[in-house]
mmCIF file of all heavy atoms, coordinates in Angstrom:
data_MODEL
# 
_entry.id   MODEL 
# 
loop_
_atom_site.group_PDB 
_atom_site.id 
_atom_site.type_symbol 
_atom_site.label_atom_id 
_atom_site.label_alt_id 
_atom_site.label_comp_id 
_atom_site.label_asym_id 
_atom_site.label_entity_id 
_atom_site.label_seq_id 
_atom_site.pdbx_PDB_ins_code 
_atom_site.Cartn_x 
_atom_site.Cartn_y 
_atom_site.Cartn_z 
_atom_site.occupancy 
_atom_site.B_iso_or_equiv 
_atom_site.pdbx_formal_charge 
_atom_site.auth_seq_id 
_atom_site.auth_comp_id 
_atom_site.auth_asym_id 
_atom_site.auth_atom_id 
_atom_site.pdbx_PDB_model_num 
ATOM 1   N N   . PHE A 1 1  ? -144.129 -110.778 8.189  1.00 0.00 ? 1  PHE A N   1 
ATOM 2   C CA  . PHE A 1 1  ? -143.145 -111.387 7.290  1.00 0.00 ? 1  PHE A CA  1 
ATOM 3   C C   . PHE A 1 1  ? -142.020 -112.036 8.099  1.00 0.00 ? 1  PHE A C   1 
ATOM 4   O O   . PHE A 1 1  ? -141.606 -113.167 7.835  1.00 0.00 ? 1  PHE A O   1 
ATOM 5   C CB  . PHE A 1 1  ? -142.518 -110.349 6.359  1.00 0.00 ? 1  PHE A CB  1 
ATOM 6   C CG  . PHE A 1 1  ? -143.378 -109.912 5.208  1.00 0.00 ? 1  PHE A CG  1 
ATOM 7   C CD1 . PHE A 1 1  ? -143.468 -108.567 4.886  1.00 0.00 ? 1  PHE A CD1 1 
ATOM 8   C CD2 . PHE A 1 1  ? -144.076 -110.829 4.432  1.00 0.00 ? 1  PHE A CD2 1 
ATOM 9   C CE1 . PHE A 1 1  ? -144.236 -108.147 3.812  1.00 0.00 ? 1  PHE A CE1 1 
ATOM 10  C CE2 . PHE A 1 1  ? -144.846 -110.411 3.356  1.00 0.00 ? 1  PHE A CE2 1 
ATOM 11  C CZ  . PHE A 1 1  ? -144.928 -109.063 3.043  1.00 0.00 ? 1  PHE A CZ  1 
ATOM 12  N N   . THR A 1 2  ? -141.527 -111.307 9.082  1.00 0.00 ? 2  THR A N   1 
ATOM 13  C CA  . THR A 1 2  ? -140.412 -111.797 9.891  1.00 0.00 ? 2  THR A CA  1 
ATOM 14  C C   . THR A 1 2  ? -140.820 -113.048 10.664 1.00 0.00 ? 2  THR A C   1 
ATOM 15  O O   . THR A 1 2  ? -140.071 -114.027 10.707 1.00 0.00 ? 2  THR A O   1 
ATOM 16  C CB  . THR A 1 2  ? -139.920 -110.690 10.844 1.00 0.00 ? 2  THR A CB  1 
ATOM 17  O OG1 . THR A 1 2  ? -139.539 -109.553 10.054 1.00 0.00 ? 2  THR A OG1 1 
ATOM 18  C CG2 . THR A 1 2  ? -138.736 -111.147 11.671 1.00 0.00 ? 2  THR A CG2 1 
ATOM 19  N N   . THR A 1 3  ? -141.996 -113.039 11.235 1.00 0.00 ? 3  THR A N   1 
ATOM 20  C CA  . THR A 1 3  ? -142.506 -114.211 11.954 1.00 0.00 ? 3  THR A CA  1 
ATOM 21  C C   . THR A 1 3  ? -142.626 -115.409 11.015 1.00 0.00 ? 3  THR A C   1 
ATOM 22  O O   . THR A 1 3  ? -142.276 -116.538 11.383 1.00 0.00 ? 3  THR A O   1 
ATOM 23  C CB  . THR A 1 3  ? -143.876 -113.889 12.588 1.00 0.00 ? 3  THR A CB  1 
ATOM 24  O OG1 . THR A 1 3  ? -143.691 -112.808 13.511 1.00 0.00 ? 3  THR A OG1 1 
ATOM 25  C CG2 . THR A 1 3  ? -144.460 -115.086 13.313 1.00 0.00 ? 3  THR A CG2 1 
ATOM 26  N N   . ASP A 1 4  ? -143.101 -115.176 9.799  1.00 0.00 ? 4  ASP A N   1 
ATOM 27  C CA  . ASP A 1 4  ? -143.222 -116.262 8.817  1.00 0.00 ? 4  ASP A CA  1 
ATOM 28  C C   . ASP A 1 4  ? -141.863 -116.860 8.477  1.00 0.00 ? 4  ASP A C   1 
ATOM 29  O O   . ASP A 1 4  ? -141.717 -118.082 8.383  1.00 0.00 ? 4  ASP A O   1 
ATOM 30  C CB  . ASP A 1 4  ? -143.892 -115.760 7.534  1.00 0.00 ? 4  ASP A CB  1 
ATOM 31  C CG  . ASP A 1 4  ? -145.369 -115.435 7.716  1.00 0.00 ? 4  ASP A CG  1 
ATOM 32  O OD1 . ASP A 1 4  ? -145.953 -115.821 8.750  1.00 0.00 ? 4  ASP A OD1 1 
ATOM 33  O OD2 . ASP A 1 4  ? -145.931 -114.780 6.817  1.00 0.00 ? 4  ASP A OD2 1 
ATOM 34  N N   . VAL A 1 5  ? -140.861 -116.008 8.285  1.00 0.00 ? 5  VAL A N   1 
ATOM 35  C CA  . VAL A 1 5  ? -139.523 -116.503 7.950  1.00 0.00 ? 5  VAL A CA  1 
ATOM 36  C C   . VAL A 1 5  ? -138.946 -117.318 9.115  1.00 0.00 ? 5  VAL A C   1 
ATOM 37  O O   . VAL A 1 5  ? -138.339 -118.372 8.907  1.00 0.00 ? 5  VAL A O   1 
ATOM 38  C CB  . VAL A 1 5  ? -138.574 -115.346 7.571  1.00 0.00 ? 5  VAL A CB  1 
ATOM 39  C CG1 . VAL A 1 5  ? -137.123 -115.822 7.477  1.00 0.00 ? 5  VAL A CG1 1 
ATOM 40  C CG2 . VAL A 1 5  ? -139.003 -114.745 6.247  1.00 0.00 ? 5  VAL A CG2 1 
ATOM 41  N N   . LEU A 1 6  ? -139.166 -116.869 10.329 1.00 0.00 ? 6  LEU A N   1 
ATOM 42  C CA  . LEU A 1 6  ? -138.665 -117.616 11.487 1.00 0.00 ? 6  LEU A CA  1 
ATOM 43  C C   . LEU A 1 6  ? -139.377 -118.962 11.627 1.00 0.00 ? 6  LEU A C   1 
ATOM 44  O O   . LEU A 1 6  ? -138.746 -119.956 11.996 1.00 0.00 ? 6  LEU A O   1 
ATOM 45  C CB  . LEU A 1 6  ? -138.790 -116.782 12.761 1.00 0.00 ? 6  LEU A CB  1 
ATOM 46  C CG  . LEU A 1 6  ? -137.850 -115.576 12.811 1.00 0.00 ? 6  LEU A CG  1 
ATOM 47  C CD1 . LEU A 1 6  ? -138.132 -114.717 14.038 1.00 0.00 ? 6  LEU A CD1 1 
ATOM 48  C CD2 . LEU A 1 6  ? -136.385 -116.005 12.765 1.00 0.00 ? 6  LEU A CD2 1 
ATOM 49  N N   . ALA A 1 7  ? -140.661 -119.012 11.319 1.00 0.00 ? 7  ALA A N   1 
ATOM 50  C CA  . ALA A 1 7  ? -141.381 -120.292 11.343 1.00 0.00 ? 7  ALA A CA  1 
ATOM 51  C C   . ALA A 1 7  ? -140.826 -121.233 10.270 1.00 0.00 ? 7  ALA A C   1 
ATOM 52  O O   . ALA A 1 7  ? -140.639 -122.434 10.518 1.00 0.00 ? 7  ALA A O   1 
ATOM 53  C CB  . ALA A 1 7  ? -142.876 -120.070 11.138 1.00 0.00 ? 7  ALA A CB  1 
ATOM 54  N N   . LEU A 1 8  ? -140.547 -120.688 9.107  1.00 0.00 ? 8  LEU A N   1 
ATOM 55  C CA  . LEU A 1 8  ? -139.952 -121.490 8.040  1.00 0.00 ? 8  LEU A CA  1 
ATOM 56  C C   . LEU A 1 8  ? -138.550 -121.961 8.437  1.00 0.00 ? 8  LEU A C   1 
ATOM 57  O O   . LEU A 1 8  ? -138.169 -123.109 8.186  1.00 0.00 ? 8  LEU A O   1 
ATOM 58  C CB  . LEU A 1 8  ? -139.906 -120.695 6.737  1.00 0.00 ? 8  LEU A CB  1 
ATOM 59  C CG  . LEU A 1 8  ? -139.309 -121.408 5.535  1.00 0.00 ? 8  LEU A CG  1 
ATOM 60  C CD1 . LEU A 1 8  ? -140.068 -122.685 5.203  1.00 0.00 ? 8  LEU A CD1 1 
ATOM 61  C CD2 . LEU A 1 8  ? -139.310 -120.469 4.327  1.00 0.00 ? 8  LEU A CD2 1 
ATOM 62  N N   . TYR A 1 9  ? -137.778 -121.091 9.071  1.00 0.00 ? 9  TYR A N   1 
ATOM 63  C CA  . TYR A 1 9  ? -136.447 -121.460 9.554  1.00 0.00 ? 9  TYR A CA  1 
ATOM 64  C C   . TYR A 1 9  ? -136.558 -122.638 10.533 1.00 0.00 ? 9  TYR A C   1 
ATOM 65  O O   . TYR A 1 9  ? -135.809 -123.619 10.421 1.00 0.00 ? 9  TYR A O   1 
ATOM 66  C CB  . TYR A 1 9  ? -135.772 -120.271 10.232 1.00 0.00 ? 9  TYR A CB  1 
ATOM 67  C CG  . TYR A 1 9  ? -134.480 -120.641 10.922 1.00 0.00 ? 9  TYR A CG  1 
ATOM 68  C CD1 . TYR A 1 9  ? -133.286 -120.706 10.201 1.00 0.00 ? 9  TYR A CD1 1 
ATOM 69  C CD2 . TYR A 1 9  ? -134.447 -120.937 12.276 1.00 0.00 ? 9  TYR A CD2 1 
ATOM 70  C CE1 . TYR A 1 9  ? -132.096 -121.065 10.822 1.00 0.00 ? 9  TYR A CE1 1 
ATOM 71  C CE2 . TYR A 1 9  ? -133.268 -121.294 12.900 1.00 0.00 ? 9  TYR A CE2 1 
ATOM 72  C CZ  . TYR A 1 9  ? -132.092 -121.357 12.171 1.00 0.00 ? 9  TYR A CZ  1 
ATOM 73  O OH  . TYR A 1 9  ? -130.930 -121.722 12.790 1.00 0.00 ? 9  TYR A OH  1 
ATOM 74  N N   . ASP A 1 10 ? -137.476 -122.541 11.492 1.00 0.00 ? 10 ASP A N   1 
ATOM 75  C CA  . ASP A 1 10 ? -137.654 -123.624 12.469 1.00 0.00 ? 10 ASP A CA  1 
ATOM 76  C C   . ASP A 1 10 ? -138.011 -124.933 11.776 1.00 0.00 ? 10 ASP A C   1 
ATOM 77  O O   . ASP A 1 10 ? -137.493 -126.000 12.124 1.00 0.00 ? 10 ASP A O   1 
ATOM 78  C CB  . ASP A 1 10 ? -138.743 -123.261 13.487 1.00 0.00 ? 10 ASP A CB  1 
ATOM 79  C CG  . ASP A 1 10 ? -138.331 -122.131 14.405 1.00 0.00 ? 10 ASP A CG  1 
ATOM 80  O OD1 . ASP A 1 10 ? -137.112 -121.877 14.562 1.00 0.00 ? 10 ASP A OD1 1 
ATOM 81  O OD2 . ASP A 1 10 ? -139.243 -121.477 14.967 1.00 0.00 ? 10 ASP A OD2 1 
ATOM 82  N N   . TRP A 1 11 ? -138.909 -124.852 10.798 1.00 0.00 ? 11 TRP A N   1 
ATOM 83  C CA  . TRP A 1 11 ? -139.328 -126.041 10.052 1.00 0.00 ? 11 TRP A CA  1 
ATOM 84  C C   . TRP A 1 11 ? -138.136 -126.652 9.315  1.00 0.00 ? 11 TRP A C   1 
ATOM 85  O O   . TRP A 1 11 ? -137.896 -127.854 9.369  1.00 0.00 ? 11 TRP A O   1 
ATOM 86  C CB  . TRP A 1 11 ? -140.435 -125.658 9.062  1.00 0.00 ? 11 TRP A CB  1 
ATOM 87  C CG  . TRP A 1 11 ? -140.963 -126.809 8.284  1.00 0.00 ? 11 TRP A CG  1 
ATOM 88  C CD1 . TRP A 1 11 ? -141.991 -127.643 8.641  1.00 0.00 ? 11 TRP A CD1 1 
ATOM 89  C CD2 . TRP A 1 11 ? -140.498 -127.260 7.000  1.00 0.00 ? 11 TRP A CD2 1 
ATOM 90  N NE1 . TRP A 1 11 ? -142.192 -128.583 7.658  1.00 0.00 ? 11 TRP A NE1 1 
ATOM 91  C CE2 . TRP A 1 11 ? -141.277 -128.371 6.644  1.00 0.00 ? 11 TRP A CE2 1 
ATOM 92  C CE3 . TRP A 1 11 ? -139.499 -126.826 6.138  1.00 0.00 ? 11 TRP A CE3 1 
ATOM 93  C CZ2 . TRP A 1 11 ? -141.093 -129.059 5.451  1.00 0.00 ? 11 TRP A CZ2 1 
ATOM 94  C CZ3 . TRP A 1 11 ? -139.306 -127.514 4.950  1.00 0.00 ? 11 TRP A CZ3 1 
ATOM 95  C CH2 . TRP A 1 11 ? -140.105 -128.613 4.617  1.00 0.00 ? 11 TRP A CH2 1 
ATOM 96  N N   . ALA A 1 12 ? -137.370 -125.812 8.614  1.00 0.00 ? 12 ALA A N   1 
ATOM 97  C CA  . ALA A 1 12 ? -136.219 -126.300 7.842  1.00 0.00 ? 12 ALA A CA  1 
ATOM 98  C C   . ALA A 1 12 ? -135.127 -126.842 8.763  1.00 0.00 ? 12 ALA A C   1 
ATOM 99  O O   . ALA A 1 12 ? -134.527 -127.885 8.481  1.00 0.00 ? 12 ALA A O   1 
ATOM 100 C CB  . ALA A 1 12 ? -135.664 -125.185 6.963  1.00 0.00 ? 12 ALA A CB  1 
ATOM 101 N N   . LYS A 1 13 ? -134.880 -126.153 9.864  1.00 0.00 ? 13 LYS A N   1 
ATOM 102 C CA  . LYS A 1 13 ? -133.834 -126.578 10.799 1.00 0.00 ? 13 LYS A CA  1 
ATOM 103 C C   . LYS A 1 13 ? -134.163 -127.945 11.396 1.00 0.00 ? 13 LYS A C   1 
ATOM 104 O O   . LYS A 1 13 ? -133.270 -128.786 11.555 1.00 0.00 ? 13 LYS A O   1 
ATOM 105 C CB  . LYS A 1 13 ? -133.671 -125.524 11.902 1.00 0.00 ? 13 LYS A CB  1 
ATOM 106 C CG  . LYS A 1 13 ? -132.446 -125.697 12.743 1.00 0.00 ? 13 LYS A CG  1 
ATOM 107 C CD  . LYS A 1 13 ? -131.205 -125.393 11.921 1.00 0.00 ? 13 LYS A CD  1 
ATOM 108 C CE  . LYS A 1 13 ? -129.963 -125.448 12.757 1.00 0.00 ? 13 LYS A CE  1 
ATOM 109 N NZ  . LYS A 1 13 ? -128.744 -125.469 11.955 1.00 0.00 ? 13 LYS A NZ  1 
ATOM 110 N N   . ALA A 1 14 ? -135.420 -128.173 11.687 1.00 0.00 ? 14 ALA A N   1 
ATOM 111 C CA  . ALA A 1 14 ? -135.839 -129.454 12.261 1.00 0.00 ? 14 ALA A CA  1 
ATOM 112 C C   . ALA A 1 14 ? -135.650 -130.609 11.275 1.00 0.00 ? 14 ALA A C   1 
ATOM 113 O O   . ALA A 1 14 ? -135.558 -131.766 11.680 1.00 0.00 ? 14 ALA A O   1 
ATOM 114 C CB  . ALA A 1 14 ? -137.305 -129.383 12.695 1.00 0.00 ? 14 ALA A CB  1 
ATOM 115 N N   . ARG A 1 15 ? -135.566 -130.319 10.001 1.00 0.00 ? 15 ARG A N   1 
ATOM 116 C CA  . ARG A 1 15 ? -135.475 -131.356 8.974  1.00 0.00 ? 15 ARG A CA  1 
ATOM 117 C C   . ARG A 1 15 ? -134.139 -131.392 8.240  1.00 0.00 ? 15 ARG A C   1 
ATOM 118 O O   . ARG A 1 15 ? -133.927 -132.240 7.393  1.00 0.00 ? 15 ARG A O   1 
ATOM 119 C CB  . ARG A 1 15 ? -136.592 -131.150 7.949  1.00 0.00 ? 15 ARG A CB  1 
ATOM 120 C CG  . ARG A 1 15 ? -137.956 -131.462 8.525  1.00 0.00 ? 15 ARG A CG  1 
ATOM 121 C CD  . ARG A 1 15 ? -139.070 -130.741 7.764  1.00 0.00 ? 15 ARG A CD  1 
ATOM 122 N NE  . ARG A 1 15 ? -140.387 -131.039 8.320  1.00 0.00 ? 15 ARG A NE  1 
ATOM 123 C CZ  . ARG A 1 15 ? -140.869 -130.490 9.409  1.00 0.00 ? 15 ARG A CZ  1 
ATOM 124 N NH1 . ARG A 1 15 ? -140.185 -129.603 10.079 1.00 0.00 ? 15 ARG A NH1 1 
ATOM 125 N NH2 . ARG A 1 15 ? -142.076 -130.808 9.848  1.00 0.00 ? 15 ARG A NH2 1 
ATOM 126 N N   . SER A 1 16 ? -133.247 -130.474 8.563  1.00 0.00 ? 16 SER A N   1 
ATOM 127 C CA  . SER A 1 16 ? -132.034 -130.329 7.764  1.00 0.00 ? 16 SER A CA  1 
ATOM 128 C C   . SER A 1 16 ? -130.814 -131.071 8.292  1.00 0.00 ? 16 SER A C   1 
ATOM 129 O O   . SER A 1 16 ? -129.786 -131.090 7.625  1.00 0.00 ? 16 SER A O   1 
ATOM 130 C CB  . SER A 1 16 ? -131.679 -128.850 7.619  1.00 0.00 ? 16 SER A CB  1 
ATOM 131 O OG  . SER A 1 16 ? -131.269 -128.334 8.869  1.00 0.00 ? 16 SER A OG  1 
ATOM 132 N N   . GLY A 1 17 ? -130.900 -131.624 9.468  1.00 0.00 ? 17 GLY A N   1 
ATOM 133 C CA  . GLY A 1 17 ? -129.721 -132.259 10.035 1.00 0.00 ? 17 GLY A CA  1 
ATOM 134 C C   . GLY A 1 17 ? -128.631 -131.232 10.251 1.00 0.00 ? 17 GLY A C   1 
ATOM 135 O O   . GLY A 1 17 ? -128.851 -130.190 10.847 1.00 0.00 ? 17 GLY A O   1 
ATOM 136 N N   . ASN A 1 18 ? -127.461 -131.522 9.710  1.00 0.00 ? 18 ASN A N   1 
ATOM 137 C CA  . ASN A 1 18 ? -126.328 -130.606 9.862  1.00 0.00 ? 18 ASN A CA  1 
ATOM 138 C C   . ASN A 1 18 ? -126.149 -129.688 8.662  1.00 0.00 ? 18 ASN A C   1 
ATOM 139 O O   . ASN A 1 18 ? -125.133 -129.014 8.545  1.00 0.00 ? 18 ASN A O   1 
ATOM 140 C CB  . ASN A 1 18 ? -125.038 -131.393 10.099 1.00 0.00 ? 18 ASN A CB  1 
ATOM 141 C CG  . ASN A 1 18 ? -125.030 -132.049 11.470 1.00 0.00 ? 18 ASN A CG  1 
ATOM 142 O OD1 . ASN A 1 18 ? -125.620 -131.533 12.410 1.00 0.00 ? 18 ASN A OD1 1 
ATOM 143 N ND2 . ASN A 1 18 ? -124.390 -133.201 11.564 1.00 0.00 ? 18 ASN A ND2 1 
ATOM 144 N N   . SER A 1 19 ? -127.113 -129.671 7.767  1.00 0.00 ? 19 SER A N   1 
ATOM 145 C CA  . SER A 1 19 ? -127.009 -128.822 6.578  1.00 0.00 ? 19 SER A CA  1 
ATOM 146 C C   . SER A 1 19 ? -127.082 -127.345 6.966  1.00 0.00 ? 19 SER A C   1 
ATOM 147 O O   . SER A 1 19 ? -127.750 -126.976 7.930  1.00 0.00 ? 19 SER A O   1 
ATOM 148 C CB  . SER A 1 19 ? -128.150 -129.122 5.602  1.00 0.00 ? 19 SER A CB  1 
ATOM 149 O OG  . SER A 1 19 ? -128.047 -130.434 5.116  1.00 0.00 ? 19 SER A OG  1 
ATOM 150 N N   . SER A 1 20 ? -126.396 -126.539 6.185  1.00 0.00 ? 20 SER A N   1 
ATOM 151 C CA  . SER A 1 20 ? -126.427 -125.092 6.412  1.00 0.00 ? 20 SER A CA  1 
ATOM 152 C C   . SER A 1 20 ? -127.775 -124.529 5.987  1.00 0.00 ? 20 SER A C   1 
ATOM 153 O O   . SER A 1 20 ? -128.386 -124.999 5.033  1.00 0.00 ? 20 SER A O   1 
ATOM 154 C CB  . SER A 1 20 ? -125.335 -124.404 5.593  1.00 0.00 ? 20 SER A CB  1 
ATOM 155 O OG  . SER A 1 20 ? -124.072 -124.779 6.057  1.00 0.00 ? 20 SER A OG  1 
ATOM 156 N N   . ILE A 1 21 ? -128.204 -123.521 6.712  1.00 0.00 ? 21 ILE A N   1 
ATOM 157 C CA  . ILE A 1 21 ? -129.420 -122.792 6.343  1.00 0.00 ? 21 ILE A CA  1 
ATOM 158 C C   . ILE A 1 21 ? -129.025 -121.327 6.241  1.00 0.00 ? 21 ILE A C   1 
ATOM 159 O O   . ILE A 1 21 ? -128.426 -120.763 7.154  1.00 0.00 ? 21 ILE A O   1 
ATOM 160 C CB  . ILE A 1 21 ? -130.534 -122.973 7.379  1.00 0.00 ? 21 ILE A CB  1 
ATOM 161 C CG1 . ILE A 1 21 ? -130.974 -124.434 7.423  1.00 0.00 ? 21 ILE A CG1 1 
ATOM 162 C CG2 . ILE A 1 21 ? -131.715 -122.060 7.061  1.00 0.00 ? 21 ILE A CG2 1 
ATOM 163 C CD1 . ILE A 1 21 ? -132.036 -124.740 8.442  1.00 0.00 ? 21 ILE A CD1 1 
ATOM 164 N N   . LEU A 1 22 ? -129.358 -120.734 5.101  1.00 0.00 ? 22 LEU A N   1 
ATOM 165 C CA  . LEU A 1 22 ? -129.078 -119.321 4.933  1.00 0.00 ? 22 LEU A CA  1 
ATOM 166 C C   . LEU A 1 22 ? -130.352 -118.597 4.548  1.00 0.00 ? 22 LEU A C   1 
ATOM 167 O O   . LEU A 1 22 ? -131.300 -119.191 4.057  1.00 0.00 ? 22 LEU A O   1 
ATOM 168 C CB  . LEU A 1 22 ? -127.968 -119.093 3.903  1.00 0.00 ? 22 LEU A CB  1 
ATOM 169 C CG  . LEU A 1 22 ? -128.165 -119.644 2.502  1.00 0.00 ? 22 LEU A CG  1 
ATOM 170 C CD1 . LEU A 1 22 ? -128.755 -118.599 1.591  1.00 0.00 ? 22 LEU A CD1 1 
ATOM 171 C CD2 . LEU A 1 22 ? -126.820 -120.084 1.963  1.00 0.00 ? 22 LEU A CD2 1 
ATOM 172 N N   . PHE A 1 23 ? -130.365 -117.311 4.835  1.00 0.00 ? 23 PHE A N   1 
ATOM 173 C CA  . PHE A 1 23 ? -131.475 -116.456 4.414  1.00 0.00 ? 23 PHE A CA  1 
ATOM 174 C C   . PHE A 1 23 ? -131.037 -115.746 3.145  1.00 0.00 ? 23 PHE A C   1 
ATOM 175 O O   . PHE A 1 23 ? -129.962 -115.144 3.102  1.00 0.00 ? 23 PHE A O   1 
ATOM 176 C CB  . PHE A 1 23 ? -131.822 -115.420 5.479  1.00 0.00 ? 23 PHE A CB  1 
ATOM 177 C CG  . PHE A 1 23 ? -132.421 -115.979 6.744  1.00 0.00 ? 23 PHE A CG  1 
ATOM 178 C CD1 . PHE A 1 23 ? -132.417 -115.238 7.902  1.00 0.00 ? 23 PHE A CD1 1 
ATOM 179 C CD2 . PHE A 1 23 ? -133.012 -117.234 6.777  1.00 0.00 ? 23 PHE A CD2 1 
ATOM 180 C CE1 . PHE A 1 23 ? -132.982 -115.724 9.078  1.00 0.00 ? 23 PHE A CE1 1 
ATOM 181 C CE2 . PHE A 1 23 ? -133.573 -117.739 7.939  1.00 0.00 ? 23 PHE A CE2 1 
ATOM 182 C CZ  . PHE A 1 23 ? -133.552 -116.979 9.088  1.00 0.00 ? 23 PHE A CZ  1 
ATOM 183 N N   . TRP A 1 24 ? -131.878 -115.834 2.117  1.00 0.00 ? 24 TRP A N   1 
ATOM 184 C CA  . TRP A 1 24 ? -131.590 -115.174 0.844  1.00 0.00 ? 24 TRP A CA  1 
ATOM 185 C C   . TRP A 1 24 ? -132.776 -114.284 0.540  1.00 0.00 ? 24 TRP A C   1 
ATOM 186 O O   . TRP A 1 24 ? -133.880 -114.757 0.323  1.00 0.00 ? 24 TRP A O   1 
ATOM 187 C CB  . TRP A 1 24 ? -131.420 -116.208 -0.259 1.00 0.00 ? 24 TRP A CB  1 
ATOM 188 C CG  . TRP A 1 24 ? -130.943 -115.665 -1.577 1.00 0.00 ? 24 TRP A CG  1 
ATOM 189 C CD1 . TRP A 1 24 ? -131.478 -114.635 -2.303 1.00 0.00 ? 24 TRP A CD1 1 
ATOM 190 C CD2 . TRP A 1 24 ? -129.832 -116.136 -2.336 1.00 0.00 ? 24 TRP A CD2 1 
ATOM 191 N NE1 . TRP A 1 24 ? -130.782 -114.438 -3.461 1.00 0.00 ? 24 TRP A NE1 1 
ATOM 192 C CE2 . TRP A 1 24 ? -129.755 -115.358 -3.505 1.00 0.00 ? 24 TRP A CE2 1 
ATOM 193 C CE3 . TRP A 1 24 ? -128.896 -117.140 -2.145 1.00 0.00 ? 24 TRP A CE3 1 
ATOM 194 C CZ2 . TRP A 1 24 ? -128.784 -115.553 -4.483 1.00 0.00 ? 24 TRP A CZ2 1 
ATOM 195 C CZ3 . TRP A 1 24 ? -127.938 -117.337 -3.108 1.00 0.00 ? 24 TRP A CZ3 1 
ATOM 196 C CH2 . TRP A 1 24 ? -127.881 -116.549 -4.256 1.00 0.00 ? 24 TRP A CH2 1 
ATOM 197 N N   . GLY A 1 25 ? -132.534 -112.984 0.533  1.00 0.00 ? 25 GLY A N   1 
ATOM 198 C CA  . GLY A 1 25 ? -133.599 -112.040 0.242  1.00 0.00 ? 25 GLY A CA  1 
ATOM 199 C C   . GLY A 1 25 ? -133.314 -111.291 -1.034 1.00 0.00 ? 25 GLY A C   1 
ATOM 200 O O   . GLY A 1 25 ? -132.165 -110.978 -1.342 1.00 0.00 ? 25 GLY A O   1 
# 
């Protein structure tokens, strides 16, 4: 699960520019 979330974070960060990214569980 943790590895999947980090992969998703990397994907979102690469496409988000300067937008904030937060984890919501």
